[in-house]
Amino acid sequence: MKKFMLAVGLLSLAGGAFAAGKPCEELKAEIAAKLDAKGVSGYSLEIVDKGAAADGKVVGKCEGGAREIVYKRG
């Protein structure tokens, strides 16, 4: 029973950190690395406030969903 309670406690701590979300610069770097690995060129990634992505495609959310990473071609 003690092991179960310990596991529940650790999972609740990890869940709180996960809910905070990734820093935007870190997520942007990961997305750029994936695009570069696929040979994509001529694009830009921009960090904007949630809902401000009028002329691009949202490819990621960061900082607990408060900001978005927007992909623009060309």
C-alpha atoms as a PDB file:
ATOM      1  CA  MET A   1       0.000   0.000   0.000  1.00  0.00           C
ATOM      2  CA  LYS A   2       2.866   2.380   0.765  1.00  0.00           C
ATOM      3  CA  LYS A   3       4.357   1.779  -2.684  1.00  0.00           C
ATOM      4  CA  PHE A   4       1.013   2.572  -4.293  1.00  0.00           C
ATOM      5  CA  MET A   5       0.695   5.854  -2.383  1.00  0.00           C
ATOM      6  CA  LEU A   6       4.266   6.768  -3.300  1.00  0.00           C
ATOM      7  CA  ALA A   7       3.539   6.095  -6.980  1.00  0.00           C
ATOM      8  CA  VAL A   8       0.364   8.202  -6.865  1.00  0.00           C
ATOM      9  CA  GLY A   9       2.282  11.038  -5.208  1.00  0.00           C
ATOM     10  CA  LEU A  10       5.051  10.962  -7.802  1.00  0.00           C
ATOM     11  CA  LEU A  11       2.568  10.858 -10.671  1.00  0.00           C
ATOM     12  CA  SER A  12       0.709  13.868  -9.304  1.00  0.00           C
ATOM     13  CA  LEU A  13       3.964  15.836  -9.174  1.00  0.00           C
ATOM     14  CA  ALA A  14       4.846  14.822 -12.722  1.00  0.00           C
ATOM     15  CA  GLY A  15       1.339  15.698 -13.897  1.00  0.00           C
ATOM     16  CA  GLY A  16       1.690  19.227 -12.525  1.00  0.00           C
ATOM     17  CA  ALA A  17       4.933  19.756 -14.398  1.00  0.00           C
ATOM     18  CA  PHE A  18       3.415  18.375 -17.600  1.00  0.00           C
ATOM     19  CA  ALA A  19       0.416  20.691 -17.361  1.00  0.00           C
ATOM     20  CA  ALA A  20       2.736  23.710 -17.277  1.00  0.00           C
ATOM     21  CA  GLY A  21       3.746  22.981 -20.879  1.00  0.00           C
ATOM     22  CA  LYS A  22       7.049  23.344 -22.642  1.00  0.00           C
ATOM     23  CA  PRO A  23       8.869  26.628 -23.024  1.00  0.00           C
ATOM     24  CA  CYS A  24       8.099  28.076 -26.458  1.00  0.00           C
ATOM     25  CA  GLU A  25      11.716  28.388 -27.609  1.00  0.00           C
ATOM     26  CA  GLU A  26      12.361  24.717 -26.790  1.00  0.00           C
ATOM     27  CA  LEU A  27       9.276  23.545 -28.687  1.00  0.00           C
ATOM     28  CA  LYS A  28      10.086  25.818 -31.637  1.00  0.00           C
ATOM     29  CA  ALA A  29      13.600  24.315 -31.837  1.00  0.00           C
ATOM     30  CA  GLU A  30      12.180  20.772 -31.776  1.00  0.00           C
ATOM     31  CA  ILE A  31       9.702  21.540 -34.569  1.00  0.00           C
ATOM     32  CA  ALA A  32      12.413  23.229 -36.658  1.00  0.00           C
ATOM     33  CA  ALA A  33      14.683  20.189 -36.212  1.00  0.00           C
ATOM     34  CA  LYS A  34      11.910  17.858 -37.423  1.00  0.00           C
ATOM     35  CA  LEU A  35      11.183  20.037 -40.455  1.00  0.00           C
ATOM     36  CA  ASP A  36      14.880  20.293 -41.324  1.00  0.00           C
ATOM     37  CA  ALA A  37      15.262  16.513 -41.004  1.00  0.00           C
ATOM     38  CA  LYS A  38      12.458  16.077 -43.556  1.00  0.00           C
ATOM     39  CA  GLY A  39      14.222  18.449 -45.961  1.00  0.00           C
ATOM     40  CA  VAL A  40      11.687  21.278 -45.654  1.00  0.00           C
ATOM     41  CA  SER A  41      13.092  24.696 -46.569  1.00  0.00           C
ATOM     42  CA  GLY A  42      11.728  28.186 -47.064  1.00  0.00           C
ATOM     43  CA  TYR A  43       9.576  28.272 -43.942  1.00  0.00           C
ATOM     44  CA  SER A  44       9.334  30.331 -40.785  1.00  0.00           C
ATOM     45  CA  LEU A  45       8.148  29.511 -37.304  1.00  0.00           C
ATOM     46  CA  GLU A  46       6.741  32.282 -35.163  1.00  0.00           C
ATOM     47  CA  ILE A  47       5.636  32.328 -31.528  1.00  0.00           C
ATOM     48  CA  VAL A  48       2.339  34.199 -31.089  1.00  0.00           C
ATOM     49  CA  ASP A  49      -0.326  34.607 -28.444  1.00  0.00           C
ATOM     50  CA  LYS A  50      -3.151  32.080 -28.583  1.00  0.00           C
ATOM     51  CA  GLY A  51      -5.674  32.927 -31.294  1.00  0.00           C
ATOM     52  CA  ALA A  52      -3.403  35.380 -33.143  1.00  0.00           C
ATOM     53  CA  ALA A  53      -2.456  32.941 -35.949  1.00  0.00           C
ATOM     54  CA  ALA A  54      -4.422  34.509 -38.798  1.00  0.00           C
ATOM     55  CA  ASP A  55      -2.089  33.831 -41.725  1.00  0.00           C
ATOM     56  CA  GLY A  56      -0.332  30.597 -40.780  1.00  0.00           C
ATOM     57  CA  LYS A  57      -0.892  27.072 -39.556  1.00  0.00           C
ATOM     58  CA  VAL A  58      -0.651  26.338 -35.839  1.00  0.00           C
ATOM     59  CA  VAL A  59       1.847  23.497 -35.416  1.00  0.00           C
ATOM     60  CA  GLY A  60       2.324  23.585 -31.643  1.00  0.00           C
ATOM     61  CA  LYS A  61       1.129  25.037 -28.364  1.00  0.00           C
ATOM     62  CA  CYS A  62       3.368  26.040 -25.498  1.00  0.00           C
ATOM     63  CA  GLU A  63       3.445  27.692 -22.083  1.00  0.00           C
ATOM     64  CA  GLY A  64       0.347  25.848 -20.948  1.00  0.00           C
ATOM     65  CA  GLY A  65      -1.600  26.644 -24.114  1.00  0.00           C
ATOM     66  CA  ALA A  66      -1.238  30.424 -23.745  1.00  0.00           C
ATOM     67  CA  ARG A  67       0.972  30.746 -26.851  1.00  0.00           C
ATOM     68  CA  GLU A  68       1.188  28.969 -30.215  1.00  0.00           C
ATOM     69  CA  ILE A  69       3.873  28.142 -32.765  1.00  0.00           C
ATOM     70  CA  VAL A  70       2.784  29.192 -36.248  1.00  0.00           C
ATOM     71  CA  TYR A  71       4.234  27.717 -39.457  1.00  0.00           C
ATOM     72  CA  LYS A  72       4.411  29.932 -42.534  1.00  0.00           C
ATOM     73  CA  ARG A  73       5.659  28.843 -45.946  1.00  0.00           C
ATOM     74  CA  GLY A  74       7.839  31.087 -48.084  1.00  0.00           C
END
